[in-house]
Amino acid sequence: MSQTHTTPHRFVHHRLEVYHGALELLRVVHDAYKGVPRGYRSFADQLLRAAGAVAALIGEGANRYTHGQKRQRFTEARGEADEVAVHAEVLATMGILSEATASTILSQADRICAMLTPLIKRHS
């Protein structure tokens, strides 16, 4: 049975808005990924892996016990969100992603970075 937004929260990360934002980023990236032509899939694979890592690292960080462990995972998640932005820009520069799609991805990645920064500072 999968966890949905309408079921009671079982894990700490379900209570974090940034985690749900990361899932939305992953959804947007996955939708864009499906339209990437075969010869450019290696670039798109990097984008998709980075987007998945954002959500995974936020979940890991939220469920760690020490401040240092939390800070490390949230810092890594922020780095992965930055990587998502770079890959989206690269694909847009090559004409593989539309400017509108790249802009949506960049906005979402920027929002996640902005939300992660206070979490990183809180655990410093």
C-alpha atoms as a PDB file:
ATOM      1  CA  MET A   1       0.000   0.000   0.000  1.00  0.00           C
ATOM      2  CA  SER A   2       1.471   3.367  -0.963  1.00  0.00           C
ATOM      3  CA  GLN A   3       1.537   6.479   1.186  1.00  0.00           C
ATOM      4  CA  THR A   4      -0.594   9.304  -0.190  1.00  0.00           C
ATOM      5  CA  HIS A   5      -1.099  12.901   0.832  1.00  0.00           C
ATOM      6  CA  THR A   6      -4.538  12.006   2.232  1.00  0.00           C
ATOM      7  CA  THR A   7      -3.415   9.229   4.581  1.00  0.00           C
ATOM      8  CA  PRO A   8      -2.032   9.900   8.072  1.00  0.00           C
ATOM      9  CA  HIS A   9       1.659  10.733   8.171  1.00  0.00           C
ATOM     10  CA  ARG A  10       3.808   7.806   9.254  1.00  0.00           C
ATOM     11  CA  PHE A  11       7.276   9.266   8.883  1.00  0.00           C
ATOM     12  CA  VAL A  12       8.830  12.553   9.935  1.00  0.00           C
ATOM     13  CA  HIS A  13       9.553  13.588   6.347  1.00  0.00           C
ATOM     14  CA  HIS A  14       5.839  13.510   5.502  1.00  0.00           C
ATOM     15  CA  ARG A  15       5.400  16.547   7.755  1.00  0.00           C
ATOM     16  CA  LEU A  16       7.970  18.608   5.810  1.00  0.00           C
ATOM     17  CA  GLU A  17       6.618  20.869   3.089  1.00  0.00           C
ATOM     18  CA  VAL A  18      10.020  20.730   1.385  1.00  0.00           C
ATOM     19  CA  TYR A  19       9.658  16.950   0.974  1.00  0.00           C
ATOM     20  CA  HIS A  20       6.343  17.375  -0.834  1.00  0.00           C
ATOM     21  CA  GLY A  21       7.953  20.082  -2.964  1.00  0.00           C
ATOM     22  CA  ALA A  22      10.713  17.625  -3.846  1.00  0.00           C
ATOM     23  CA  LEU A  23       8.120  15.077  -4.942  1.00  0.00           C
ATOM     24  CA  GLU A  24       6.515  17.728  -7.135  1.00  0.00           C
ATOM     25  CA  LEU A  25       9.932  18.540  -8.623  1.00  0.00           C
ATOM     26  CA  LEU A  26      10.417  14.843  -9.353  1.00  0.00           C
ATOM     27  CA  ARG A  27       6.997  14.678 -11.041  1.00  0.00           C
ATOM     28  CA  VAL A  28       7.770  17.678 -13.264  1.00  0.00           C
ATOM     29  CA  VAL A  29      11.199  16.288 -14.154  1.00  0.00           C
ATOM     30  CA  HIS A  30       9.765  12.850 -14.890  1.00  0.00           C
ATOM     31  CA  ASP A  31       7.142  14.353 -17.193  1.00  0.00           C
ATOM     32  CA  ALA A  32       9.885  16.261 -19.037  1.00  0.00           C
ATOM     33  CA  TYR A  33      12.103  13.165 -19.139  1.00  0.00           C
ATOM     34  CA  LYS A  34       9.493  11.217 -21.098  1.00  0.00           C
ATOM     35  CA  GLY A  35       9.774  13.685 -23.989  1.00  0.00           C
ATOM     36  CA  VAL A  36      13.562  13.581 -24.346  1.00  0.00           C
ATOM     37  CA  PRO A  37      14.723  11.986 -27.624  1.00  0.00           C
ATOM     38  CA  ARG A  38      16.701   8.760 -27.417  1.00  0.00           C
ATOM     39  CA  GLY A  39      20.096  10.242 -28.276  1.00  0.00           C
ATOM     40  CA  TYR A  40      19.918  12.660 -25.342  1.00  0.00           C
ATOM     41  CA  ARG A  41      18.779  10.262 -22.633  1.00  0.00           C
ATOM     42  CA  SER A  42      22.137  10.284 -20.823  1.00  0.00           C
ATOM     43  CA  PHE A  43      21.650  13.993 -20.080  1.00  0.00           C
ATOM     44  CA  ALA A  44      18.048  13.413 -19.049  1.00  0.00           C
ATOM     45  CA  ASP A  45      19.076  10.445 -16.866  1.00  0.00           C
ATOM     46  CA  GLN A  46      21.322  12.763 -14.847  1.00  0.00           C
ATOM     47  CA  LEU A  47      18.431  15.196 -14.412  1.00  0.00           C
ATOM     48  CA  LEU A  48      16.064  12.452 -13.266  1.00  0.00           C
ATOM     49  CA  ARG A  49      18.586  10.889 -10.854  1.00  0.00           C
ATOM     50  CA  ALA A  50      19.339  14.271  -9.269  1.00  0.00           C
ATOM     51  CA  ALA A  51      15.621  15.005  -8.820  1.00  0.00           C
ATOM     52  CA  GLY A  52      15.070  11.625  -7.174  1.00  0.00           C
ATOM     53  CA  ALA A  53      18.046  12.205  -4.899  1.00  0.00           C
ATOM     54  CA  VAL A  54      16.541  15.480  -3.642  1.00  0.00           C
ATOM     55  CA  ALA A  55      13.490  13.692  -2.246  1.00  0.00           C
ATOM     56  CA  ALA A  56      15.513  10.758  -0.932  1.00  0.00           C
ATOM     57  CA  LEU A  57      18.018  12.944   0.901  1.00  0.00           C
ATOM     58  CA  ILE A  58      15.312  15.098   2.463  1.00  0.00           C
ATOM     59  CA  GLY A  59      13.611  11.939   3.699  1.00  0.00           C
ATOM     60  CA  GLU A  60      16.873  10.588   5.068  1.00  0.00           C
ATOM     61  CA  GLY A  61      17.725  13.852   6.791  1.00  0.00           C
ATOM     62  CA  ALA A  62      14.329  14.223   8.402  1.00  0.00           C
ATOM     63  CA  ASN A  63      14.567  10.746   9.872  1.00  0.00           C
ATOM     64  CA  ARG A  64      18.114  11.055  11.291  1.00  0.00           C
ATOM     65  CA  TYR A  65      18.704  11.709  14.981  1.00  0.00           C
ATOM     66  CA  THR A  66      21.719  13.975  15.256  1.00  0.00           C
ATOM     67  CA  HIS A  67      22.029  17.548  14.048  1.00  0.00           C
ATOM     68  CA  GLY A  68      25.154  16.668  12.087  1.00  0.00           C
ATOM     69  CA  GLN A  69      23.447  13.816  10.239  1.00  0.00           C
ATOM     70  CA  LYS A  70      20.422  15.973   9.446  1.00  0.00           C
ATOM     71  CA  ARG A  71      22.577  18.894   8.270  1.00  0.00           C
ATOM     72  CA  GLN A  72      24.652  16.643   6.020  1.00  0.00           C
ATOM     73  CA  ARG A  73      21.615  15.127   4.260  1.00  0.00           C
ATOM     74  CA  PHE A  74      19.855  18.483   3.863  1.00  0.00           C
ATOM     75  CA  THR A  75      23.068  20.014   2.495  1.00  0.00           C
ATOM     76  CA  GLU A  76      23.402  17.156   0.012  1.00  0.00           C
ATOM     77  CA  ALA A  77      19.740  17.570  -0.986  1.00  0.00           C
ATOM     78  CA  ARG A  78      20.372  21.260  -1.648  1.00  0.00           C
ATOM     79  CA  GLY A  79      23.341  20.355  -3.816  1.00  0.00           C
ATOM     80  CA  GLU A  80      21.226  17.879  -5.778  1.00  0.00           C
ATOM     81  CA  ALA A  81      18.526  20.534  -6.295  1.00  0.00           C
ATOM     82  CA  ASP A  82      21.234  22.825  -7.686  1.00  0.00           C
ATOM     83  CA  GLU A  83      22.310  19.969  -9.956  1.00  0.00           C
ATOM     84  CA  VAL A  84      18.728  19.595 -11.191  1.00  0.00           C
ATOM     85  CA  ALA A  85      18.785  23.266 -12.172  1.00  0.00           C
ATOM     86  CA  VAL A  86      22.066  22.887 -14.051  1.00  0.00           C
ATOM     87  CA  HIS A  87      20.878  19.827 -15.983  1.00  0.00           C
ATOM     88  CA  ALA A  88      17.621  21.588 -16.908  1.00  0.00           C
ATOM     89  CA  GLU A  89      19.614  24.575 -18.188  1.00  0.00           C
ATOM     90  CA  VAL A  90      21.906  22.303 -20.206  1.00  0.00           C
ATOM     91  CA  LEU A  91      18.970  20.511 -21.809  1.00  0.00           C
ATOM     92  CA  ALA A  92      17.247  23.820 -22.557  1.00  0.00           C
ATOM     93  CA  THR A  93      20.451  25.223 -24.058  1.00  0.00           C
ATOM     94  CA  MET A  94      20.606  22.211 -26.388  1.00  0.00           C
ATOM     95  CA  GLY A  95      16.959  22.774 -27.345  1.00  0.00           C
ATOM     96  CA  ILE A  96      15.849  19.478 -25.771  1.00  0.00           C
ATOM     97  CA  LEU A  97      13.673  21.069 -23.074  1.00  0.00           C
ATOM     98  CA  SER A  98      11.395  23.978 -23.833  1.00  0.00           C
ATOM     99  CA  GLU A  99      12.131  27.256 -22.104  1.00  0.00           C
ATOM    100  CA  ALA A 100       8.789  26.937 -20.279  1.00  0.00           C
ATOM    101  CA  THR A 101       9.607  23.455 -18.959  1.00  0.00           C
ATOM    102  CA  ALA A 102      13.117  24.482 -17.944  1.00  0.00           C
ATOM    103  CA  SER A 103      11.718  27.565 -16.209  1.00  0.00           C
ATOM    104  CA  THR A 104       9.238  25.441 -14.246  1.00  0.00           C
ATOM    105  CA  ILE A 105      12.007  23.075 -13.147  1.00  0.00           C
ATOM    106  CA  LEU A 106      14.312  25.962 -12.203  1.00  0.00           C
ATOM    107  CA  SER A 107      11.586  27.668 -10.176  1.00  0.00           C
ATOM    108  CA  GLN A 108      10.779  24.489  -8.284  1.00  0.00           C
ATOM    109  CA  ALA A 109      14.470  23.701  -7.640  1.00  0.00           C
ATOM    110  CA  ASP A 110      15.027  27.268  -6.414  1.00  0.00           C
ATOM    111  CA  ARG A 111      12.046  26.978  -4.059  1.00  0.00           C
ATOM    112  CA  ILE A 112      13.438  23.756  -2.604  1.00  0.00           C
ATOM    113  CA  CYS A 113      16.882  25.324  -2.088  1.00  0.00           C
ATOM    114  CA  ALA A 114      15.247  28.254  -0.308  1.00  0.00           C
ATOM    115  CA  MET A 115      13.339  25.880   1.966  1.00  0.00           C
ATOM    116  CA  LEU A 116      16.381  23.733   2.718  1.00  0.00           C
ATOM    117  CA  THR A 117      18.648  26.613   3.703  1.00  0.00           C
ATOM    118  CA  PRO A 118      16.870  27.292   7.042  1.00  0.00           C
ATOM    119  CA  LEU A 119      16.833  23.551   7.813  1.00  0.00           C
ATOM    120  CA  ILE A 120      20.580  23.423   7.234  1.00  0.00           C
ATOM    121  CA  LYS A 121      21.133  26.461   9.461  1.00  0.00           C
ATOM    122  CA  ARG A 122      18.868  25.057  12.184  1.00  0.00           C
ATOM    123  CA  HIS A 123      21.041  21.950  12.441  1.00  0.00           C
ATOM    124  CA  SER A 124      24.395  23.771  12.274  1.00  0.00           C
END
